[in-house]
Amino acid sequence: MTLKSYILVMSFLTATCWGIFIFVASIIDPFATNWLGFLLFYISLFIALSGLSTLLGFLIRFVILKKGLAFNLVKLSFRQSFLFSLFLVFALFLQANNLLNWINSIFIILGFSVLELFLIGSKKNR
């Protein structure tokens, strides 16, 4: 797959995921839905955020910074966007259940920072 086709396919799929998220968010009533409605909401938000942040992260690294090979930049962008999206959805879930406070926020940030450092360290050991 060429870089141009990757960007086009990823852009199309990200736009589709945002459309699905908007559809799910407009259909679901948060006061009347069960756990399946919330699960669909959070999963569609996670996938849409992952796609958008992957594209933005890759384009910033490739166009502005111009460091590294495109293949390595795609892997790095996808890994970091996955963690970033997971962080945002997890924080949103905690906020929706009135469990997000500054102590939990610090622990979440520390946990994701340690996970990212672990992934960076395991990459260097290969």
PDB file of N, CA and C in Angstrom:
ATOM      1  N   MET A   1       0.845  -1.176   0.000  1.00  0.00           N
ATOM      2  CA  MET A   1       0.000   0.000   0.000  1.00  0.00           C
ATOM      3  C   MET A   1       0.884   1.230   0.000  1.00  0.00           C
ATOM      4  N   THR A   2       0.613   2.118  -0.916  1.00  0.00           N
ATOM      5  CA  THR A   2       1.394   3.346  -0.984  1.00  0.00           C
ATOM      6  C   THR A   2       0.923   4.316   0.098  1.00  0.00           C
ATOM      7  N   LEU A   3       1.721   5.329   0.316  1.00  0.00           N
ATOM      8  CA  LEU A   3       1.391   6.315   1.342  1.00  0.00           C
ATOM      9  C   LEU A   3       0.126   7.082   0.973  1.00  0.00           C
ATOM     10  N   LYS A   4      -0.015   7.410  -0.303  1.00  0.00           N
ATOM     11  CA  LYS A   4      -1.194   8.145  -0.751  1.00  0.00           C
ATOM     12  C   LYS A   4      -2.459   7.316  -0.546  1.00  0.00           C
ATOM     13  N   SER A   5      -2.412   6.038  -0.877  1.00  0.00           N
ATOM     14  CA  SER A   5      -3.597   5.194  -0.688  1.00  0.00           C
ATOM     15  C   SER A   5      -3.883   4.977   0.796  1.00  0.00           C
ATOM     16  N   TYR A   6      -2.832   4.884   1.621  1.00  0.00           N
ATOM     17  CA  TYR A   6      -3.043   4.753   3.063  1.00  0.00           C
ATOM     18  C   TYR A   6      -3.781   5.970   3.615  1.00  0.00           C
ATOM     19  N   ILE A   7      -3.341   7.163   3.221  1.00  0.00           N
ATOM     20  CA  ILE A   7      -3.975   8.383   3.724  1.00  0.00           C
ATOM     21  C   ILE A   7      -5.416   8.483   3.239  1.00  0.00           C
ATOM     22  N   LEU A   8      -5.657   8.136   1.976  1.00  0.00           N
ATOM     23  CA  LEU A   8      -7.016   8.194   1.451  1.00  0.00           C
ATOM     24  C   LEU A   8      -7.937   7.198   2.146  1.00  0.00           C
ATOM     25  N   VAL A   9      -7.490   5.960   2.312  1.00  0.00           N
ATOM     26  CA  VAL A   9      -8.303   4.938   2.971  1.00  0.00           C
ATOM     27  C   VAL A   9      -8.534   5.296   4.436  1.00  0.00           C
ATOM     28  N   MET A  10      -7.486   5.746   5.097  1.00  0.00           N
ATOM     29  CA  MET A  10      -7.612   6.114   6.507  1.00  0.00           C
ATOM     30  C   MET A  10      -8.541   7.321   6.673  1.00  0.00           C
ATOM     31  N   SER A  11      -8.471   8.269   5.770  1.00  0.00           N
ATOM     32  CA  SER A  11      -9.363   9.433   5.840  1.00  0.00           C
ATOM     33  C   SER A  11     -10.814   9.022   5.627  1.00  0.00           C
ATOM     34  N   PHE A  12     -11.065   8.162   4.639  1.00  0.00           N
ATOM     35  CA  PHE A  12     -12.420   7.694   4.381  1.00  0.00           C
ATOM     36  C   PHE A  12     -12.977   6.922   5.575  1.00  0.00           C
ATOM     37  N   LEU A  13     -12.169   6.017   6.134  1.00  0.00           N
ATOM     38  CA  LEU A  13     -12.638   5.223   7.271  1.00  0.00           C
ATOM     39  C   LEU A  13     -12.834   6.076   8.518  1.00  0.00           C
ATOM     40  N   THR A  14     -11.995   7.071   8.712  1.00  0.00           N
ATOM     41  CA  THR A  14     -12.159   7.969   9.854  1.00  0.00           C
ATOM     42  C   THR A  14     -13.436   8.788   9.714  1.00  0.00           C
ATOM     43  N   ALA A  15     -13.707   9.284   8.512  1.00  0.00           N
ATOM     44  CA  ALA A  15     -14.953  10.026   8.289  1.00  0.00           C
ATOM     45  C   ALA A  15     -16.165   9.124   8.501  1.00  0.00           C
ATOM     46  N   THR A  16     -16.061   7.877   8.070  1.00  0.00           N
ATOM     47  CA  THR A  16     -17.142   6.913   8.298  1.00  0.00           C
ATOM     48  C   THR A  16     -17.351   6.662   9.784  1.00  0.00           C
ATOM     49  N   CYS A  17     -16.267   6.522  10.518  1.00  0.00           N
ATOM     50  CA  CYS A  17     -16.372   6.288  11.968  1.00  0.00           C
ATOM     51  C   CYS A  17     -16.983   7.494  12.680  1.00  0.00           C
ATOM     52  N   TRP A  18     -16.639   8.698  12.246  1.00  0.00           N
ATOM     53  CA  TRP A  18     -17.260   9.888  12.836  1.00  0.00           C
ATOM     54  C   TRP A  18     -18.745   9.935  12.515  1.00  0.00           C
ATOM     55  N   GLY A  19     -19.102   9.515  11.319  1.00  0.00           N
ATOM     56  CA  GLY A  19     -20.519   9.444  10.975  1.00  0.00           C
ATOM     57  C   GLY A  19     -21.260   8.440  11.843  1.00  0.00           C
ATOM     58  N   ILE A  20     -20.638   7.297  12.088  1.00  0.00           N
ATOM     59  CA  ILE A  20     -21.238   6.282  12.965  1.00  0.00           C
ATOM     60  C   ILE A  20     -21.363   6.822  14.378  1.00  0.00           C
ATOM     61  N   PHE A  21     -20.334   7.526  14.850  1.00  0.00           N
ATOM     62  CA  PHE A  21     -20.395   8.084  16.195  1.00  0.00           C
ATOM     63  C   PHE A  21     -21.526   9.108  16.318  1.00  0.00           C
ATOM     64  N   ILE A  22     -21.653   9.973  15.328  1.00  0.00           N
ATOM     65  CA  ILE A  22     -22.728  10.974  15.368  1.00  0.00           C
ATOM     66  C   ILE A  22     -24.090  10.295  15.332  1.00  0.00           C
ATOM     67  N   PHE A  23     -24.211   9.245  14.533  1.00  0.00           N
ATOM     68  CA  PHE A  23     -25.462   8.491  14.484  1.00  0.00           C
ATOM     69  C   PHE A  23     -25.782   7.855  15.836  1.00  0.00           C
ATOM     70  N   VAL A  24     -24.786   7.205  16.438  1.00  0.00           N
ATOM     71  CA  VAL A  24     -24.994   6.556  17.745  1.00  0.00           C
ATOM     72  C   VAL A  24     -25.314   7.596  18.809  1.00  0.00           C
ATOM     73  N   ALA A  25     -24.606   8.717  18.799  1.00  0.00           N
ATOM     74  CA  ALA A  25     -24.841   9.752  19.802  1.00  0.00           C
ATOM     75  C   ALA A  25     -26.222  10.391  19.650  1.00  0.00           C
ATOM     76  N   SER A  26     -26.727  10.455  18.434  1.00  0.00           N
ATOM     77  CA  SER A  26     -28.054  11.041  18.254  1.00  0.00           C
ATOM     78  C   SER A  26     -29.173  10.053  18.572  1.00  0.00           C
ATOM     79  N   ILE A  27     -28.912   8.778  18.454  1.00  0.00           N
ATOM     80  CA  ILE A  27     -29.940   7.757  18.702  1.00  0.00           C
ATOM     81  C   ILE A  27     -30.070   7.443  20.197  1.00  0.00           C
ATOM     82  N   ILE A  28     -28.948   7.405  20.899  1.00  0.00           N
ATOM     83  CA  ILE A  28     -28.937   6.927  22.285  1.00  0.00           C
ATOM     84  C   ILE A  28     -29.414   8.014  23.242  1.00  0.00           C
ATOM     85  N   ASP A  29     -30.360   7.648  24.066  1.00  0.00           N
ATOM     86  CA  ASP A  29     -30.811   8.516  25.147  1.00  0.00           C
ATOM     87  C   ASP A  29     -30.061   8.089  26.413  1.00  0.00           C
ATOM     88  N   PRO A  30     -29.192   8.917  26.959  1.00  0.00           N
ATOM     89  CA  PRO A  30     -28.376   8.491  28.103  1.00  0.00           C
ATOM     90  C   PRO A  30     -29.189   8.200  29.362  1.00  0.00           C
ATOM     91  N   PHE A  31     -30.405   8.704  29.426  1.00  0.00           N
ATOM     92  CA  PHE A  31     -31.213   8.463  30.610  1.00  0.00           C
ATOM     93  C   PHE A  31     -32.034   7.183  30.501  1.00  0.00           C
ATOM     94  N   ALA A  32     -32.198   6.663  29.297  1.00  0.00           N
ATOM     95  CA  ALA A  32     -33.058   5.497  29.115  1.00  0.00           C
ATOM     96  C   ALA A  32     -32.321   4.277  28.572  1.00  0.00           C
ATOM     97  N   THR A  33     -31.046   4.402  28.217  1.00  0.00           N
ATOM     98  CA  THR A  33     -30.343   3.289  27.586  1.00  0.00           C
ATOM     99  C   THR A  33     -29.757   2.345  28.632  1.00  0.00           C
ATOM    100  N   ASN A  34     -29.390   1.156  28.169  1.00  0.00           N
ATOM    101  CA  ASN A  34     -28.739   0.176  29.039  1.00  0.00           C
ATOM    102  C   ASN A  34     -27.236   0.196  28.765  1.00  0.00           C
ATOM    103  N   TRP A  35     -26.538  -0.795  29.257  1.00  0.00           N
ATOM    104  CA  TRP A  35     -25.084  -0.838  29.127  1.00  0.00           C
ATOM    105  C   TRP A  35     -24.649  -0.982  27.674  1.00  0.00           C
ATOM    106  N   LEU A  36     -25.461  -1.612  26.829  1.00  0.00           N
ATOM    107  CA  LEU A  36     -25.095  -1.792  25.425  1.00  0.00           C
ATOM    108  C   LEU A  36     -25.056  -0.452  24.686  1.00  0.00           C
ATOM    109  N   GLY A  37     -25.969   0.444  24.999  1.00  0.00           N
ATOM    110  CA  GLY A  37     -25.952   1.768  24.385  1.00  0.00           C
ATOM    111  C   GLY A  37     -24.709   2.553  24.761  1.00  0.00           C
ATOM    112  N   PHE A  38     -24.331   2.484  26.022  1.00  0.00           N
ATOM    113  CA  PHE A  38     -23.109   3.169  26.453  1.00  0.00           C
ATOM    114  C   PHE A  38     -21.875   2.532  25.831  1.00  0.00           C
ATOM    115  N   LEU A  39     -21.873   1.211  25.719  1.00  0.00           N
ATOM    116  CA  LEU A  39     -20.749   0.515  25.110  1.00  0.00           C
ATOM    117  C   LEU A  39     -20.585   0.939  23.644  1.00  0.00           C
ATOM    118  N   LEU A  40     -21.681   1.008  22.906  1.00  0.00           N
ATOM    119  CA  LEU A  40     -21.617   1.465  21.514  1.00  0.00           C
ATOM    120  C   LEU A  40     -21.118   2.900  21.421  1.00  0.00           C
ATOM    121  N   PHE A  41     -21.571   3.742  22.337  1.00  0.00           N
ATOM    122  CA  PHE A  41     -21.133   5.139  22.356  1.00  0.00           C
ATOM    123  C   PHE A  41     -19.629   5.238  22.575  1.00  0.00           C
ATOM    124  N   TYR A  42     -19.122   4.570  23.600  1.00  0.00           N
ATOM    125  CA  TYR A  42     -17.698   4.678  23.926  1.00  0.00           C
ATOM    126  C   TYR A  42     -16.816   4.014  22.871  1.00  0.00           C
ATOM    127  N   ILE A  43     -17.245   2.890  22.315  1.00  0.00           N
ATOM    128  CA  ILE A  43     -16.441   2.219  21.291  1.00  0.00           C
ATOM    129  C   ILE A  43     -16.397   3.055  20.012  1.00  0.00           C
ATOM    130  N   SER A  44     -17.540   3.593  19.599  1.00  0.00           N
ATOM    131  CA  SER A  44     -17.536   4.414  18.379  1.00  0.00           C
ATOM    132  C   SER A  44     -16.717   5.688  18.579  1.00  0.00           C
ATOM    133  N   LEU A  45     -16.778   6.280  19.755  1.00  0.00           N
ATOM    134  CA  LEU A  45     -15.953   7.460  20.042  1.00  0.00           C
ATOM    135  C   LEU A  45     -14.476   7.089  20.027  1.00  0.00           C
ATOM    136  N   PHE A  46     -14.120   5.958  20.613  1.00  0.00           N
ATOM    137  CA  PHE A  46     -12.724   5.518  20.651  1.00  0.00           C
ATOM    138  C   PHE A  46     -12.172   5.304  19.248  1.00  0.00           C
ATOM    139  N   ILE A  47     -12.931   4.624  18.400  1.00  0.00           N
ATOM    140  CA  ILE A  47     -12.452   4.340  17.052  1.00  0.00           C
ATOM    141  C   ILE A  47     -12.342   5.626  16.234  1.00  0.00           C
ATOM    142  N   ALA A  48     -13.311   6.515  16.371  1.00  0.00           N
ATOM    143  CA  ALA A  48     -13.263   7.781  15.630  1.00  0.00           C
ATOM    144  C   ALA A  48     -12.095   8.652  16.095  1.00  0.00           C
ATOM    145  N   LEU A  49     -11.879   8.729  17.398  1.00  0.00           N
ATOM    146  CA  LEU A  49     -10.748   9.508  17.916  1.00  0.00           C
ATOM    147  C   LEU A  49      -9.414   8.902  17.498  1.00  0.00           C
ATOM    148  N   SER A  50      -9.342   7.577  17.496  1.00  0.00           N
ATOM    149  CA  SER A  50      -8.103   6.918  17.073  1.00  0.00           C
ATOM    150  C   SER A  50      -7.758   7.253  15.633  1.00  0.00           C
ATOM    151  N   GLY A  51      -8.740   7.182  14.763  1.00  0.00           N
ATOM    152  CA  GLY A  51      -8.486   7.496  13.363  1.00  0.00           C
ATOM    153  C   GLY A  51      -8.074   8.939  13.154  1.00  0.00           C
ATOM    154  N   LEU A  52      -8.786   9.855  13.798  1.00  0.00           N
ATOM    155  CA  LEU A  52      -8.467  11.268  13.635  1.00  0.00           C
ATOM    156  C   LEU A  52      -7.089  11.605  14.191  1.00  0.00           C
ATOM    157  N   SER A  53      -6.788  11.122  15.383  1.00  0.00           N
ATOM    158  CA  SER A  53      -5.484  11.452  15.968  1.00  0.00           C
ATOM    159  C   SER A  53      -4.343  10.732  15.248  1.00  0.00           C
ATOM    160  N   THR A  54      -4.597   9.560  14.654  1.00  0.00           N
ATOM    161  CA  THR A  54      -3.573   8.903  13.847  1.00  0.00           C
ATOM    162  C   THR A  54      -3.237   9.748  12.627  1.00  0.00           C
ATOM    163  N   LEU A  55      -4.268  10.197  11.932  1.00  0.00           N
ATOM    164  CA  LEU A  55      -4.029  11.031  10.743  1.00  0.00           C
ATOM    165  C   LEU A  55      -3.326  12.334  11.104  1.00  0.00           C
ATOM    166  N   LEU A  56      -3.811  13.000  12.134  1.00  0.00           N
ATOM    167  CA  LEU A  56      -3.192  14.275  12.527  1.00  0.00           C
ATOM    168  C   LEU A  56      -1.749  14.079  12.992  1.00  0.00           C
ATOM    169  N   GLY A  57      -1.518  13.052  13.806  1.00  0.00           N
ATOM    170  CA  GLY A  57      -0.161  12.784  14.286  1.00  0.00           C
ATOM    171  C   GLY A  57       0.792  12.441  13.162  1.00  0.00           C
ATOM    172  N   PHE A  58       0.323  11.635  12.212  1.00  0.00           N
ATOM    173  CA  PHE A  58       1.179  11.282  11.079  1.00  0.00           C
ATOM    174  C   PHE A  58       1.467  12.495  10.210  1.00  0.00           C
ATOM    175  N   LEU A  59       0.438  13.274   9.897  1.00  0.00           N
ATOM    176  CA  LEU A  59       0.650  14.434   9.030  1.00  0.00           C
ATOM    177  C   LEU A  59       1.551  15.472   9.676  1.00  0.00           C
ATOM    178  N   ILE A  60       1.422  15.682  10.970  1.00  0.00           N
ATOM    179  CA  ILE A  60       2.312  16.625  11.656  1.00  0.00           C
ATOM    180  C   ILE A  60       3.745  16.127  11.611  1.00  0.00           C
ATOM    181  N   ARG A  61       3.944  14.835  11.874  1.00  0.00           N
ATOM    182  CA  ARG A  61       5.304  14.298  11.854  1.00  0.00           C
ATOM    183  C   ARG A  61       5.886  14.280  10.440  1.00  0.00           C
ATOM    184  N   PHE A  62       5.081  13.940   9.459  1.00  0.00           N
ATOM    185  CA  PHE A  62       5.578  13.767   8.096  1.00  0.00           C
ATOM    186  C   PHE A  62       5.766  15.100   7.378  1.00  0.00           C
ATOM    187  N   VAL A  63       4.825  16.016   7.536  1.00  0.00           N
ATOM    188  CA  VAL A  63       4.878  17.276   6.779  1.00  0.00           C
ATOM    189  C   VAL A  63       5.708  18.328   7.508  1.00  0.00           C
ATOM    190  N   ILE A  64       5.465  18.496   8.804  1.00  0.00           N
ATOM    191  CA  ILE A  64       6.122  19.587   9.527  1.00  0.00           C
ATOM    192  C   ILE A  64       7.507  19.179  10.038  1.00  0.00           C
ATOM    193  N   LEU A  65       7.589  18.038  10.733  1.00  0.00           N
ATOM    194  CA  LEU A  65       8.864  17.643  11.329  1.00  0.00           C
ATOM    195  C   LEU A  65       9.812  16.993  10.332  1.00  0.00           C
ATOM    196  N   LYS A  66       9.282  16.229   9.375  1.00  0.00           N
ATOM    197  CA  LYS A  66      10.059  15.561   8.328  1.00  0.00           C
ATOM    198  C   LYS A  66      11.189  14.720   8.894  1.00  0.00           C
ATOM    199  N   LYS A  67      10.850  13.900   9.913  1.00  0.00           N
ATOM    200  CA  LYS A  67      11.850  13.030  10.521  1.00  0.00           C
ATOM    201  C   LYS A  67      11.408  11.580  10.356  1.00  0.00           C
ATOM    202  N   GLY A  68      12.285  10.745   9.869  1.00  0.00           N
ATOM    203  CA  GLY A  68      12.031   9.313   9.821  1.00  0.00           C
ATOM    204  C   GLY A  68      11.307   8.854   8.567  1.00  0.00           C
ATOM    205  N   LEU A  69      11.250   7.535   8.444  1.00  0.00           N
ATOM    206  CA  LEU A  69      10.552   6.912   7.331  1.00  0.00           C
ATOM    207  C   LEU A  69       9.054   6.938   7.574  1.00  0.00           C
ATOM    208  N   ALA A  70       8.306   6.938   6.487  1.00  0.00           N
ATOM    209  CA  ALA A  70       6.844   7.013   6.593  1.00  0.00           C
ATOM    210  C   ALA A  70       6.288   5.807   7.344  1.00  0.00           C
ATOM    211  N   PHE A  71       6.854   4.617   7.108  1.00  0.00           N
ATOM    212  CA  PHE A  71       6.371   3.415   7.785  1.00  0.00           C
ATOM    213  C   PHE A  71       6.525   3.522   9.296  1.00  0.00           C
ATOM    214  N   ASN A  72       7.669   4.013   9.731  1.00  0.00           N
ATOM    215  CA  ASN A  72       7.898   4.170  11.176  1.00  0.00           C
ATOM    216  C   ASN A  72       7.000   5.251  11.769  1.00  0.00           C
ATOM    217  N   LEU A  73       6.754   6.296  11.005  1.00  0.00           N
ATOM    218  CA  LEU A  73       5.873   7.368  11.486  1.00  0.00           C
ATOM    219  C   LEU A  73       4.435   6.892  11.614  1.00  0.00           C
ATOM    220  N   VAL A  74       4.004   6.021  10.703  1.00  0.00           N
ATOM    221  CA  VAL A  74       2.648   5.467  10.781  1.00  0.00           C
ATOM    222  C   VAL A  74       2.505   4.612  12.035  1.00  0.00           C
ATOM    223  N   LYS A  75       3.490   3.760  12.305  1.00  0.00           N
ATOM    224  CA  LYS A  75       3.438   2.922  13.509  1.00  0.00           C
ATOM    225  C   LYS A  75       3.427   3.759  14.778  1.00  0.00           C
ATOM    226  N   LEU A  76       4.277   4.750  14.830  1.00  0.00           N
ATOM    227  CA  LEU A  76       4.352   5.616  16.005  1.00  0.00           C
ATOM    228  C   LEU A  76       3.053   6.399  16.195  1.00  0.00           C
ATOM    229  N   SER A  77       2.531   6.927  15.115  1.00  0.00           N
ATOM    230  CA  SER A  77       1.283   7.700  15.197  1.00  0.00           C
ATOM    231  C   SER A  77       0.122   6.824  15.646  1.00  0.00           C
ATOM    232  N   PHE A  78       0.050   5.601  15.126  1.00  0.00           N
ATOM    233  CA  PHE A  78      -1.049   4.724  15.502  1.00  0.00           C
ATOM    234  C   PHE A  78      -0.955   4.326  16.972  1.00  0.00           C
ATOM    235  N   ARG A  79       0.243   3.996  17.439  1.00  0.00           N
ATOM    236  CA  ARG A  79       0.408   3.609  18.848  1.00  0.00           C
ATOM    237  C   ARG A  79       0.032   4.749  19.783  1.00  0.00           C
ATOM    238  N   GLN A  80       0.523   5.934  19.495  1.00  0.00           N
ATOM    239  CA  GLN A  80       0.240   7.057  20.369  1.00  0.00           C
ATOM    240  C   GLN A  80      -1.212   7.510  20.277  1.00  0.00           C
ATOM    241  N   SER A  81      -1.817   7.401  19.117  1.00  0.00           N
ATOM    242  CA  SER A  81      -3.227   7.773  19.009  1.00  0.00           C
ATOM    243  C   SER A  81      -4.121   6.760  19.714  1.00  0.00           C
ATOM    244  N   PHE A  82      -3.731   5.497  19.700  1.00  0.00           N
ATOM    245  CA  PHE A  82      -4.476   4.475  20.426  1.00  0.00           C
ATOM    246  C   PHE A  82      -4.462   4.784  21.927  1.00  0.00           C
ATOM    247  N   LEU A  83      -3.288   5.090  22.461  1.00  0.00           N
ATOM    248  CA  LEU A  83      -3.182   5.407  23.885  1.00  0.00           C
ATOM    249  C   LEU A  83      -3.900   6.716  24.223  1.00  0.00           C
ATOM    250  N   PHE A  84      -3.780   7.716  23.363  1.00  0.00           N
ATOM    251  CA  PHE A  84      -4.440   9.001  23.592  1.00  0.00           C
ATOM    252  C   PHE A  84      -5.961   8.841  23.584  1.00  0.00           C
ATOM    253  N   SER A  85      -6.476   8.094  22.631  1.00  0.00           N
ATOM    254  CA  SER A  85      -7.921   7.865  22.550  1.00  0.00           C
ATOM    255  C   SER A  85      -8.420   7.068  23.730  1.00  0.00           C
ATOM    256  N   LEU A  86      -7.654   6.064  24.127  1.00  0.00           N
ATOM    257  CA  LEU A  86      -8.022   5.266  25.295  1.00  0.00           C
ATOM    258  C   LEU A  86      -8.044   6.130  26.549  1.00  0.00           C
ATOM    259  N   PHE A  87      -7.081   7.021  26.670  1.00  0.00           N
ATOM    260  CA  PHE A  87      -7.036   7.948  27.798  1.00  0.00           C
ATOM    261  C   PHE A  87      -8.269   8.847  27.823  1.00  0.00           C
ATOM    262  N   LEU A  88      -8.613   9.434  26.684  1.00  0.00           N
ATOM    263  CA  LEU A  88      -9.763  10.347  26.633  1.00  0.00           C
ATOM    264  C   LEU A  88     -11.079   9.621  26.921  1.00  0.00           C
ATOM    265  N   VAL A  89     -11.255   8.444  26.345  1.00  0.00           N
ATOM    266  CA  VAL A  89     -12.502   7.698  26.556  1.00  0.00           C
ATOM    267  C   VAL A  89     -12.593   7.226  28.006  1.00  0.00           C
ATOM    268  N   PHE A  90     -11.483   6.794  28.578  1.00  0.00           N
ATOM    269  CA  PHE A  90     -11.479   6.359  29.975  1.00  0.00           C
ATOM    270  C   PHE A  90     -11.799   7.530  30.906  1.00  0.00           C
ATOM    271  N   ALA A  91     -11.204   8.688  30.644  1.00  0.00           N
ATOM    272  CA  ALA A  91     -11.494   9.870  31.461  1.00  0.00           C
ATOM    273  C   ALA A  91     -12.952  10.300  31.295  1.00  0.00           C
ATOM    274  N   LEU A  92     -13.478  10.208  30.089  1.00  0.00           N
ATOM    275  CA  LEU A  92     -14.883  10.545  29.857  1.00  0.00           C
ATOM    276  C   LEU A  92     -15.816   9.577  30.581  1.00  0.00           C
ATOM    277  N   PHE A  93     -15.458   8.301  30.582  1.00  0.00           N
ATOM    278  CA  PHE A  93     -16.247   7.308  31.298  1.00  0.00           C
ATOM    279  C   PHE A  93     -16.256   7.596  32.801  1.00  0.00           C
ATOM    280  N   LEU A  94     -15.079   7.905  33.342  1.00  0.00           N
ATOM    281  CA  LEU A  94     -15.011   8.233  34.769  1.00  0.00           C
ATOM    282  C   LEU A  94     -15.798   9.507  35.082  1.00  0.00           C
ATOM    283  N   GLN A  95     -15.724  10.496  34.208  1.00  0.00           N
ATOM    284  CA  GLN A  95     -16.470  11.742  34.422  1.00  0.00           C
ATOM    285  C   GLN A  95     -17.971  11.495  34.366  1.00  0.00           C
ATOM    286  N   ALA A  96     -18.416  10.629  33.464  1.00  0.00           N
ATOM    287  CA  ALA A  96     -19.841  10.329  33.350  1.00  0.00           C
ATOM    288  C   ALA A  96     -20.375   9.644  34.602  1.00  0.00           C
ATOM    289  N   ASN A  97     -19.522   8.920  35.299  1.00  0.00           N
ATOM    290  CA  ASN A  97     -19.916   8.237  36.523  1.00  0.00           C
ATOM    291  C   ASN A  97     -19.513   9.002  37.784  1.00  0.00           C
ATOM    292  N   ASN A  98     -19.128  10.264  37.639  1.00  0.00           N
ATOM    293  CA  ASN A  98     -18.718  11.132  38.745  1.00  0.00           C
ATOM    294  C   ASN A  98     -17.580  10.541  39.565  1.00  0.00           C
ATOM    295  N   LEU A  99     -16.627   9.915  38.877  1.00  0.00           N
ATOM    296  CA  LEU A  99     -15.468   9.326  39.547  1.00  0.00           C
ATOM    297  C   LEU A  99     -14.160  10.026  39.201  1.00  0.00           C
ATOM    298  N   LEU A 100     -14.210  11.006  38.325  1.00  0.00           N
ATOM    299  CA  LEU A 100     -12.993  11.683  37.902  1.00  0.00           C
ATOM    300  C   LEU A 100     -12.714  12.855  38.831  1.00  0.00           C
ATOM    301  N   ASN A 101     -11.584  12.794  39.498  1.00  0.00           N
ATOM    302  CA  ASN A 101     -11.110  13.916  40.304  1.00  0.00           C
ATOM    303  C   ASN A 101      -9.618  14.082  40.036  1.00  0.00           C
ATOM    304  N   TRP A 102      -8.984  14.998  40.714  1.00  0.00           N
ATOM    305  CA  TRP A 102      -7.589  15.290  40.399  1.00  0.00           C
ATOM    306  C   TRP A 102      -6.660  14.145  40.778  1.00  0.00           C
ATOM    307  N   ILE A 103      -6.979  13.389  41.813  1.00  0.00           N
ATOM    308  CA  ILE A 103      -6.135  12.255  42.199  1.00  0.00           C
ATOM    309  C   ILE A 103      -6.222  11.159  41.135  1.00  0.00           C
ATOM    310  N   ASN A 104      -7.441  10.844  40.702  1.00  0.00           N
ATOM    311  CA  ASN A 104      -7.597   9.845  39.648  1.00  0.00           C
ATOM    312  C   ASN A 104      -6.942  10.309  38.350  1.00  0.00           C
ATOM    313  N   SER A 105      -7.038  11.595  38.068  1.00  0.00           N
ATOM    314  CA  SER A 105      -6.416  12.123  36.851  1.00  0.00           C
ATOM    315  C   SER A 105      -4.905  11.945  36.878  1.00  0.00           C
ATOM    316  N   ILE A 106      -4.306  12.198  38.014  1.00  0.00           N
ATOM    317  CA  ILE A 106      -2.855  12.022  38.148  1.00  0.00           C
ATOM    318  C   ILE A 106      -2.477  10.554  37.968  1.00  0.00           C
ATOM    319  N   PHE A 107      -3.236   9.639  38.578  1.00  0.00           N
ATOM    320  CA  PHE A 107      -2.946   8.218  38.432  1.00  0.00           C
ATOM    321  C   PHE A 107      -3.146   7.739  36.998  1.00  0.00           C
ATOM    322  N   ILE A 108      -4.138   8.260  36.331  1.00  0.00           N
ATOM    323  CA  ILE A 108      -4.367   7.879  34.928  1.00  0.00           C
ATOM    324  C   ILE A 108      -3.220   8.381  34.055  1.00  0.00           C
ATOM    325  N   ILE A 109      -2.812   9.623  34.251  1.00  0.00           N
ATOM    326  CA  ILE A 109      -1.706  10.175  33.473  1.00  0.00           C
ATOM    327  C   ILE A 109      -0.417   9.405  33.747  1.00  0.00           C
ATOM    328  N   LEU A 110      -0.157   9.097  35.007  1.00  0.00           N
ATOM    329  CA  LEU A 110       1.034   8.316  35.343  1.00  0.00           C
ATOM    330  C   LEU A 110       0.974   6.920  34.728  1.00  0.00           C
ATOM    331  N   GLY A 111      -0.188   6.301  34.780  1.00  0.00           N
ATOM    332  CA  GLY A 111      -0.332   4.961  34.214  1.00  0.00           C
ATOM    333  C   GLY A 111      -0.087   4.935  32.712  1.00  0.00           C
ATOM    334  N   PHE A 112      -0.658   5.896  31.998  1.00  0.00           N
ATOM    335  CA  PHE A 112      -0.444   5.939  30.555  1.00  0.00           C
ATOM    336  C   PHE A 112       0.983   6.353  30.215  1.00  0.00           C
ATOM    337  N   SER A 113       1.606   7.187  31.036  1.00  0.00           N
ATOM    338  CA  SER A 113       3.004   7.561  30.809  1.00  0.00           C
ATOM    339  C   SER A 113       3.922   6.364  30.994  1.00  0.00           C
ATOM    340  N   VAL A 114       3.682   5.584  32.030  1.00  0.00           N
ATOM    341  CA  VAL A 114       4.484   4.375  32.263  1.00  0.00           C
ATOM    342  C   VAL A 114       4.285   3.376  31.125  1.00  0.00           C
ATOM    343  N   LEU A 115       3.054   3.232  30.651  1.00  0.00           N
ATOM    344  CA  LEU A 115       2.783   2.330  29.535  1.00  0.00           C
ATOM    345  C   LEU A 115       3.510   2.785  28.273  1.00  0.00           C
ATOM    346  N   GLU A 116       3.504   4.067  27.983  1.00  0.00           N
ATOM    347  CA  GLU A 116       4.210   4.576  26.812  1.00  0.00           C
ATOM    348  C   GLU A 116       5.717   4.386  26.958  1.00  0.00           C
ATOM    349  N   LEU A 117       6.251   4.640  28.140  1.00  0.00           N
ATOM    350  CA  LEU A 117       7.689   4.419  28.357  1.00  0.00           C
ATOM    351  C   LEU A 117       8.042   2.940  28.232  1.00  0.00           C
ATOM    352  N   PHE A 118       7.179   2.070  28.694  1.00  0.00           N
ATOM    353  CA  PHE A 118       7.401   0.632  28.542  1.00  0.00           C
ATOM    354  C   PHE A 118       7.417   0.245  27.066  1.00  0.00           C
ATOM    355  N   LEU A 119       6.494   0.783  26.294  1.00  0.00           N
ATOM    356  CA  LEU A 119       6.447   0.468  24.861  1.00  0.00           C
ATOM    357  C   LEU A 119       7.667   1.019  24.128  1.00  0.00           C
ATOM    358  N   ILE A 120       8.128   2.202  24.521  1.00  0.00           N
ATOM    359  CA  ILE A 120       9.338   2.753  23.918  1.00  0.00           C
ATOM    360  C   ILE A 120      10.539   1.903  24.280  1.00  0.00           C
ATOM    361  N   GLY A 121      10.634   1.484  25.552  1.00  0.00           N
ATOM    362  CA  GLY A 121      11.758   0.661  25.998  1.00  0.00           C
ATOM    363  C   GLY A 121      11.755  -0.709  25.374  1.00  0.00           C
ATOM    364  N   SER A 122      10.605  -1.312  25.188  1.00  0.00           N
ATOM    365  CA  SER A 122      10.566  -2.639  24.582  1.00  0.00           C
ATOM    366  C   SER A 122      10.910  -2.566  23.103  1.00  0.00           C
ATOM    367  N   LYS A 123      10.648  -1.445  22.464  1.00  0.00           N
ATOM    368  CA  LYS A 123      11.011  -1.249  21.060  1.00  0.00           C
ATOM    369  C   LYS A 123      12.527  -1.168  20.912  1.00  0.00           C
ATOM    370  N   LYS A 124      13.193  -0.508  21.851  1.00  0.00           N
ATOM    371  CA  LYS A 124      14.638  -0.369  21.768  1.00  0.00           C
ATOM    372  C   LYS A 124      15.361  -1.686  22.047  1.00  0.00           C
ATOM    373  N   ASN A 125      14.735  -2.592  22.807  1.00  0.00           N
ATOM    374  CA  ASN A 125      15.377  -3.867  23.125  1.00  0.00           C
ATOM    375  C   ASN A 125      15.341  -4.853  21.966  1.00  0.00           C
ATOM    376  N   ARG A 126      14.504  -4.593  20.957  1.00  0.00           N
ATOM    377  CA  ARG A 126      14.414  -5.519  19.820  1.00  0.00           C
ATOM    378  C   ARG A 126      15.542  -5.368  18.879  1.00  0.00           C
TER     379      ARG A 126
END
